[in-house]
Protein backbone atom coordinates (compact mmCIF):
# COMPACT_ATOMS: atom_id res chain seq x y z
CA UNK A 1 -79.29 74.71 75.35
CA UNK A 2 -79.16 77.46 77.95
CA UNK A 3 -76.74 80.36 78.12
CA UNK A 4 -75.74 79.84 81.75
CA UNK A 5 -74.83 76.20 81.09
CA UNK A 6 -72.78 76.87 77.96
CA UNK A 7 -71.11 79.95 79.45
CA UNK A 8 -70.19 78.11 82.66
CA UNK A 9 -68.48 75.41 80.59
CA UNK A 10 -66.34 78.07 78.92
CA UNK A 11 -65.68 80.19 82.01
CA UNK A 12 -64.41 77.19 83.98
CA UNK A 13 -62.22 75.79 81.21
CA UNK A 14 -64.25 72.64 80.60
CA UNK A 15 -64.35 73.54 76.91
CA UNK A 16 -61.18 75.07 75.47
CA UNK A 17 -58.21 74.14 73.31
CA UNK A 18 -56.72 71.97 76.05
CA UNK A 19 -59.85 69.79 76.25
CA UNK A 20 -60.27 69.72 72.46
CA UNK A 21 -63.42 71.88 72.32
CA UNK A 22 -62.77 75.32 70.83
CA UNK A 23 -65.86 77.57 70.88
CA UNK A 24 -66.56 79.28 67.53
CA UNK A 25 -70.26 80.04 67.77
CA UNK A 26 -72.24 81.17 64.72
CA UNK A 27 -74.44 84.25 64.99
CA UNK A 28 -76.69 85.99 62.47
CA UNK A 29 -77.28 89.73 62.75
CA UNK A 30 -79.74 92.06 61.11
CA UNK A 31 -78.93 95.74 61.48
CA UNK A 32 -76.71 95.03 64.47
CA UNK A 33 -79.24 92.85 66.31
CA UNK A 34 -78.73 89.10 66.79
CA UNK A 35 -81.57 87.18 65.11
CA UNK A 36 -80.02 83.70 64.98
CA UNK A 37 -77.28 81.63 66.63
CA UNK A 38 -75.94 78.12 67.04
CA UNK A 39 -73.31 76.68 69.41
CA UNK A 40 -70.40 75.50 67.28
CA UNK A 41 -67.11 74.00 68.40
CA UNK A 42 -63.95 73.20 66.51
CA UNK A 43 -63.19 69.65 67.65
CA UNK A 44 -59.70 68.18 67.86
CA UNK A 45 -61.03 64.66 68.60
CA UNK A 46 -64.36 62.82 68.74
CA UNK A 47 -64.74 62.37 72.49
CA UNK A 48 -67.64 63.70 74.54
CA UNK A 49 -70.07 63.73 71.61
CA UNK A 50 -72.06 60.44 71.90
CA UNK A 51 -72.38 60.19 68.10
CA UNK A 52 -69.41 57.97 67.36
CA UNK A 53 -67.39 58.55 64.20
CA UNK A 54 -64.02 56.96 64.98
CA UNK A 55 -64.36 54.65 61.96
CA UNK A 56 -64.92 57.71 59.77
CA UNK A 57 -61.70 59.26 61.04
CA UNK A 58 -59.81 56.04 60.28
CA UNK A 59 -61.28 55.82 56.77
CA UNK A 60 -60.44 59.49 56.10
CA UNK A 61 -56.84 58.74 57.09
CA UNK A 62 -56.73 55.89 54.54
CA UNK A 63 -57.96 58.33 51.90
CA UNK A 64 -55.24 60.81 52.83
CA UNK A 65 -57.78 63.27 54.30
CA UNK A 66 -57.11 65.11 57.53
CA UNK A 67 -60.24 64.46 59.60
CA UNK A 68 -59.44 66.70 62.58
CA UNK A 69 -60.19 69.42 63.34
CA UNK A 70 -63.85 69.09 62.47
CA UNK A 71 -66.83 71.34 63.19
CA UNK A 72 -69.50 70.29 65.70
CA UNK A 73 -72.83 71.94 66.44
CA UNK A 74 -74.13 70.55 69.72
CA UNK A 75 -73.99 70.71 73.50
CA UNK A 76 -70.68 69.46 74.94
CA UNK A 77 -70.83 66.08 76.72
CA UNK A 78 -74.63 65.97 76.39
CA UNK A 79 -76.55 63.34 74.35
CA UNK A 80 -79.84 65.23 74.53
CA UNK A 81 -82.04 66.05 71.53
CA UNK A 82 -83.03 69.70 71.31
CA UNK A 83 -82.96 72.89 69.30
CA UNK A 84 -79.53 73.48 67.78
CA UNK A 85 -80.37 76.63 65.81
CA UNK A 86 -81.84 79.51 67.80
CA UNK A 87 -83.95 81.96 65.82
CA UNK A 88 -85.76 85.18 66.64
CA UNK A 89 -89.52 84.57 66.76
CA UNK A 90 -90.07 87.60 64.54
CA UNK A 91 -87.95 86.11 61.76
CA UNK A 92 -88.50 83.32 59.22
CA UNK A 93 -87.07 80.30 61.08
CA UNK A 94 -86.60 78.11 58.00
CA UNK A 95 -84.69 80.86 56.24
CA UNK A 96 -82.38 81.43 59.21
CA UNK A 97 -81.68 77.73 59.81
CA UNK A 98 -80.76 77.25 56.17
CA UNK A 99 -78.62 80.40 56.26
CA UNK A 100 -76.68 79.08 59.27
CA UNK A 101 -76.37 75.67 57.60
CA UNK A 102 -74.93 77.32 54.49
CA UNK A 103 -72.54 79.35 56.65
CA UNK A 104 -71.27 76.18 58.34
CA UNK A 105 -70.56 74.59 54.95
CA UNK A 106 -68.83 77.73 53.71
CA UNK A 107 -66.62 77.98 56.80
CA UNK A 108 -65.62 74.31 56.43
CA UNK A 109 -64.73 74.67 52.76
CA UNK A 110 -62.86 77.93 53.15
CA UNK A 111 -60.78 76.58 56.03
CA UNK A 112 -60.17 73.12 54.54
CA UNK A 113 -62.07 71.41 57.37
CA UNK A 114 -63.18 67.86 56.62
CA UNK A 115 -66.73 67.89 57.96
CA UNK A 116 -69.58 69.53 59.86
CA UNK A 117 -71.65 67.59 62.39
CA UNK A 118 -74.96 68.71 63.94
CA UNK A 119 -75.69 66.31 66.80
CA UNK A 120 -79.07 65.48 68.36
CA UNK A 121 -80.99 68.11 66.40
CA UNK A 122 -84.73 68.59 66.01
CA UNK A 123 -86.64 67.05 63.11
CA UNK A 124 -87.35 70.35 61.36
CA UNK A 125 -83.67 71.28 61.53
CA UNK A 126 -82.67 67.92 60.09
CA UNK A 127 -85.02 68.29 57.14
CA UNK A 128 -83.72 71.77 56.33
CA UNK A 129 -80.08 70.65 56.57
CA UNK A 130 -80.80 67.65 54.35
CA UNK A 131 -81.75 70.06 51.56
CA UNK A 132 -78.25 71.55 51.84
CA UNK A 133 -76.52 68.19 51.43
CA UNK A 134 -76.20 67.08 55.05
CA UNK A 135 -76.54 63.32 55.53
CA UNK A 136 -78.83 62.02 58.32
CA UNK A 137 -77.67 59.56 60.93
CA UNK A 138 -80.16 57.76 63.17
CA UNK A 139 -79.36 56.51 66.67
CA UNK A 140 -81.29 54.94 69.53
CA UNK A 141 -81.78 56.05 73.11
CA UNK A 142 -83.99 54.66 75.86
CA UNK A 143 -86.66 57.03 77.20
CA UNK A 144 -89.39 56.59 79.78
CA UNK A 145 -92.76 58.03 78.80
CA UNK A 146 -95.35 59.03 81.37
CA UNK A 147 -98.59 57.25 80.46
CA UNK A 148 -100.56 59.35 82.90
CA UNK A 149 -99.26 57.49 85.96
CA UNK A 150 -100.46 58.85 89.29
CA UNK A 151 -98.12 56.75 91.44
CA UNK A 152 -95.17 54.37 91.27
CA UNK A 153 -97.63 51.51 91.65
CA UNK A 154 -99.37 52.70 88.47
CA UNK A 155 -96.01 52.49 86.71
CA UNK A 156 -95.43 48.97 88.05
CA UNK A 157 -98.87 47.88 86.86
CA UNK A 158 -97.79 48.64 83.28
CA UNK A 159 -95.26 45.78 83.37
CA UNK A 160 -95.72 42.14 82.65
CA UNK A 161 -96.05 40.21 85.90
CA UNK A 162 -92.57 38.64 85.93
CA UNK A 163 -90.74 41.92 85.50
CA UNK A 164 -93.04 43.66 88.00
CA UNK A 165 -92.12 41.10 90.65
CA UNK A 166 -88.38 41.56 90.01
CA UNK A 167 -88.60 45.35 90.32
CA UNK A 168 -90.46 45.06 93.63
CA UNK A 169 -87.72 42.74 94.91
CA UNK A 170 -84.96 45.12 93.79
CA UNK A 171 -86.69 48.00 95.60
CA UNK A 172 -87.33 45.96 98.75
CA UNK A 173 -83.73 44.78 99.07
CA UNK A 174 -82.40 48.33 99.38
CA UNK A 175 -84.83 49.11 102.18
CA UNK A 176 -83.65 45.99 103.99
CA UNK A 177 -80.10 47.36 103.75
CA UNK A 178 -81.19 50.58 105.47
CA UNK A 179 -80.75 52.70 102.31
CA UNK A 180 -83.15 55.53 101.54
CA UNK A 181 -83.29 57.54 98.32
CA UNK A 182 -84.54 61.09 97.89
CA UNK A 183 -84.62 63.77 95.20
CA UNK A 184 -83.21 67.22 96.03
CA UNK A 185 -83.92 70.02 93.57
CA UNK A 186 -83.94 73.75 92.96
CA UNK A 187 -83.89 75.95 96.05
CA UNK A 188 -83.34 72.96 98.35
CA UNK A 189 -79.89 72.33 96.88
CA UNK A 190 -76.81 73.34 98.83
CA UNK A 191 -73.23 73.95 97.78
CA UNK A 192 -72.23 70.94 99.90
CA UNK A 193 -74.59 68.65 98.00
CA UNK A 194 -73.31 69.85 94.63
CA UNK A 195 -69.75 69.26 95.78
CA UNK A 196 -70.76 65.73 96.75
CA UNK A 197 -72.25 65.40 93.23
CA UNK A 198 -68.89 66.41 91.77
CA UNK A 199 -67.06 63.82 93.90
CA UNK A 200 -69.50 61.13 92.75
CA UNK A 201 -68.99 62.18 89.10
CA UNK A 202 -65.20 62.25 89.38
CA UNK A 203 -64.99 58.98 91.27
CA UNK A 204 -67.03 57.19 88.63
CA UNK A 205 -65.00 58.68 85.75
CA UNK A 206 -61.73 57.72 87.45
CA UNK A 207 -62.85 54.08 87.73
CA UNK A 208 -63.59 53.77 83.99
CA UNK A 209 -60.66 52.74 81.83
CA UNK A 210 -62.09 54.88 79.01
CA UNK A 211 -63.23 57.71 81.31
CA UNK A 212 -62.14 61.28 80.72
CA UNK A 213 -62.90 64.04 83.16
CA UNK A 214 -64.15 67.21 81.50
CA UNK A 215 -66.16 68.84 84.28
CA UNK A 216 -64.43 70.50 87.23
CA UNK A 217 -65.25 71.43 90.80
CA UNK A 218 -65.35 75.06 89.67
CA UNK A 219 -68.03 74.20 87.08
CA UNK A 220 -70.23 72.58 89.73
CA UNK A 221 -69.67 75.62 91.98
CA UNK A 222 -70.83 77.91 89.17
CA UNK A 223 -73.92 75.76 88.67
CA UNK A 224 -74.78 76.21 92.34
CA UNK A 225 -74.95 79.98 91.73
CA UNK A 226 -76.38 80.05 88.22
CA UNK A 227 -78.33 76.89 87.43
CA UNK A 228 -80.01 75.38 90.50
CA UNK A 229 -83.61 75.82 89.21
CA UNK A 230 -82.79 73.17 86.59
CA UNK A 231 -80.82 70.71 88.75
CA UNK A 232 -82.16 67.60 90.47
CA UNK A 233 -79.89 65.36 92.54
CA UNK A 234 -81.11 61.90 93.47
CA UNK A 235 -79.18 60.82 96.54
CA UNK A 236 -78.95 57.43 98.23
CA UNK A 237 -78.23 57.68 101.95
CA UNK A 238 -77.49 55.32 104.81
CA UNK A 239 -76.99 56.46 108.41
CA UNK A 240 -77.24 60.10 107.21
CA UNK A 241 -74.33 59.58 104.78
CA UNK A 242 -74.59 59.90 101.01
CA UNK A 243 -73.39 56.64 99.46
CA UNK A 244 -74.46 57.18 95.83
CA UNK A 245 -76.31 59.59 93.61
CA UNK A 246 -77.12 60.98 90.19
CA UNK A 247 -76.84 64.47 88.76
CA UNK A 248 -79.83 65.34 86.56
CA UNK A 249 -81.15 68.34 84.64
CA UNK A 250 -84.86 69.06 84.39
CA UNK A 251 -87.33 71.45 82.86
CA UNK A 252 -91.12 71.62 83.11
CA UNK A 253 -91.59 68.45 81.03
CA UNK A 254 -88.45 66.30 81.01
CA UNK A 255 -85.83 64.90 83.39
CA UNK A 256 -82.43 64.33 81.78
CA UNK A 257 -80.22 61.81 83.57
CA UNK A 258 -76.54 62.73 83.25
CA UNK A 259 -74.03 61.50 85.85
CA UNK A 260 -73.97 58.60 88.30
CA UNK A 261 -71.51 57.74 91.02
CA UNK A 262 -71.22 55.66 94.20
CA UNK A 263 -68.96 55.72 97.25
CA UNK A 264 -70.17 52.25 98.26
CA UNK A 265 -71.24 49.31 96.11
CA UNK A 266 -74.51 47.58 96.90
CA UNK A 267 -76.63 45.18 94.90
CA UNK A 268 -79.42 46.93 92.93
CA UNK A 269 -78.22 50.37 94.08
CA UNK A 270 -77.54 51.57 90.52
CA UNK A 271 -80.96 50.56 89.17
CA UNK A 272 -82.81 52.08 92.11
CA UNK A 273 -81.01 55.43 92.02
CA UNK A 274 -80.64 55.88 88.27
CA UNK A 275 -84.02 54.57 87.12
CA UNK A 276 -86.70 53.73 89.68
CA UNK A 277 -86.21 56.82 91.85
CA UNK A 278 -85.85 59.05 88.79
CA UNK A 279 -89.12 57.70 87.38
CA UNK A 280 -90.81 58.09 90.76
CA UNK A 281 -89.65 61.73 90.82
CA UNK A 282 -91.07 62.28 87.33
CA UNK A 283 -94.44 60.86 88.34
CA UNK A 284 -94.56 62.99 91.50
CA UNK A 285 -93.65 66.16 89.55
CA UNK A 286 -95.89 65.40 86.56
CA UNK A 287 -92.96 65.27 84.13
CA UNK A 288 -93.75 63.64 80.80
CA UNK A 289 -90.44 62.01 79.91
CA UNK A 290 -87.21 60.74 81.42
CA UNK A 291 -84.17 60.52 79.16
CA UNK A 292 -81.53 58.34 80.78
CA UNK A 293 -78.65 59.19 78.44
CA UNK A 294 -76.88 57.14 75.81
CA UNK A 295 -76.60 53.36 75.49
CA UNK A 296 -77.80 50.48 77.61
CA UNK A 297 -80.40 48.03 76.31
CA UNK A 298 -80.81 46.89 79.94
CA UNK A 299 -82.76 50.13 80.49
CA UNK A 300 -85.66 48.55 78.63
CA UNK A 301 -86.09 46.13 81.54
CA UNK A 302 -86.92 49.19 83.66
CA UNK A 303 -89.64 50.48 81.33
CA UNK A 304 -87.58 52.74 79.08
CA UNK A 305 -88.30 52.17 75.40
CA UNK A 306 -86.06 52.77 72.33
CA UNK A 307 -86.54 56.13 70.66
CA UNK A 308 -84.75 57.38 67.52
CA UNK A 309 -82.34 60.31 67.57
CA UNK A 310 -81.09 62.28 64.58
CA UNK A 311 -77.77 63.89 63.75
CA UNK A 312 -76.79 65.54 60.47
CA UNK A 313 -73.37 65.37 58.82
CA UNK A 314 -71.78 67.29 55.94
CA UNK A 315 -68.66 65.73 54.38
CA UNK A 316 -66.67 68.07 52.15
CA UNK A 317 -64.53 65.66 50.08
CA UNK A 318 -66.62 63.81 47.48
CA UNK A 319 -65.13 60.29 47.75
CA UNK A 320 -65.32 60.42 51.51
CA UNK A 321 -68.87 61.76 51.32
CA UNK A 322 -70.06 58.90 49.07
CA UNK A 323 -68.59 56.30 51.44
CA UNK A 324 -70.20 57.86 54.53
CA UNK A 325 -73.54 58.19 52.74
CA UNK A 326 -73.51 54.49 51.78
CA UNK A 327 -72.53 53.48 55.31
CA UNK A 328 -75.28 55.55 56.89
CA UNK A 329 -77.94 54.18 54.56
CA UNK A 330 -77.06 50.66 55.70
CA UNK A 331 -76.81 51.74 59.33
CA UNK A 332 -80.26 53.37 59.27
CA UNK A 333 -81.81 50.11 58.05
CA UNK A 334 -80.10 48.18 60.85
CA UNK A 335 -81.15 50.71 63.50
CA UNK A 336 -84.78 50.62 62.37
CA UNK A 337 -84.81 46.81 62.47
CA UNK A 338 -83.17 46.82 65.89
CA UNK A 339 -85.79 49.22 67.26
CA UNK A 340 -88.60 47.05 65.93
CA UNK A 341 -87.06 43.97 67.56
CA UNK A 342 -86.62 45.79 70.87
CA UNK A 343 -90.20 47.05 70.86
CA UNK A 344 -91.44 43.53 70.15
CA UNK A 345 -89.61 42.38 73.28
CA UNK A 346 -90.91 45.19 75.49
CA UNK A 347 -91.46 44.41 79.18
CA UNK A 348 -94.46 46.74 79.19
CA UNK A 349 -97.94 45.47 78.53
CA UNK A 350 -99.40 46.63 75.23
CA UNK A 351 -101.65 49.64 75.59
CA UNK A 352 -105.25 48.89 74.68
CA UNK A 353 -106.51 50.83 71.68
């Protein structure tokens, strides 16, 4: 939720009518000064959101309702929880969030738009939107939490013995193949490395039957000029050649894993680059959390535990709204039960009270 990131997406054409993301940001002004804002996009499809509503679109069609375009408040292509409504610290935040929520509803109704979606929002925002008639949707992601680890060995000691042995073997096998992994961040980053990151991203997307490339070489070039303090690349190398890597974003507390790619396929390479080396980087930097993106129960085997996420949804048409509300009530129960089951099967030893 940073200006340089959102602006670079627009300036390089990653979000526009052609890609199905039309920027229509909401701002609140008092006496000519901006006191509130939220990033809003008119969406022509449901791709790149990570809160999946394809079944809703199909049901709306059966009801004779035009589902697209819809309104989305969120960060394009980014399943990261964070502030969705920016407010001036001198103003009443609750009042401004509710005002922007009301504005979103009004815009949808006046323009005959089916729905408004606020993805991966903060808890306080969700509660305020719920008062306006937004319906909550709960999801699950797998996050690593730093339990005060001082080293990677500390992290390993948190596992049950069987899993700890398997991780050590997965790490050892890469070393035997002559592969080394390192994190490159901030001022160390070069344009060449970011162009390699783009090639890794594009190559991976091209290999996926459902993949769709949104980000461009020009976007990565802009990041090299505007965003390097927040970028961390984790690169796997052999004989001084990059063979795989991940593109990550970081702040002073959290590492956000975003894109993975590989020029060569090796056993255990994905797990070592995407998870073990990312966690090792977090421990070394004193970061408190690693969010590895959407999906993947296998992440729990690497010490990432299921955490709930929240999105809020406003459906304009009453019949459609009732159906979605009923569906989400049932889905929330299933998600909560699934999380409990996953936590019961954790590979981490229980913390002593």
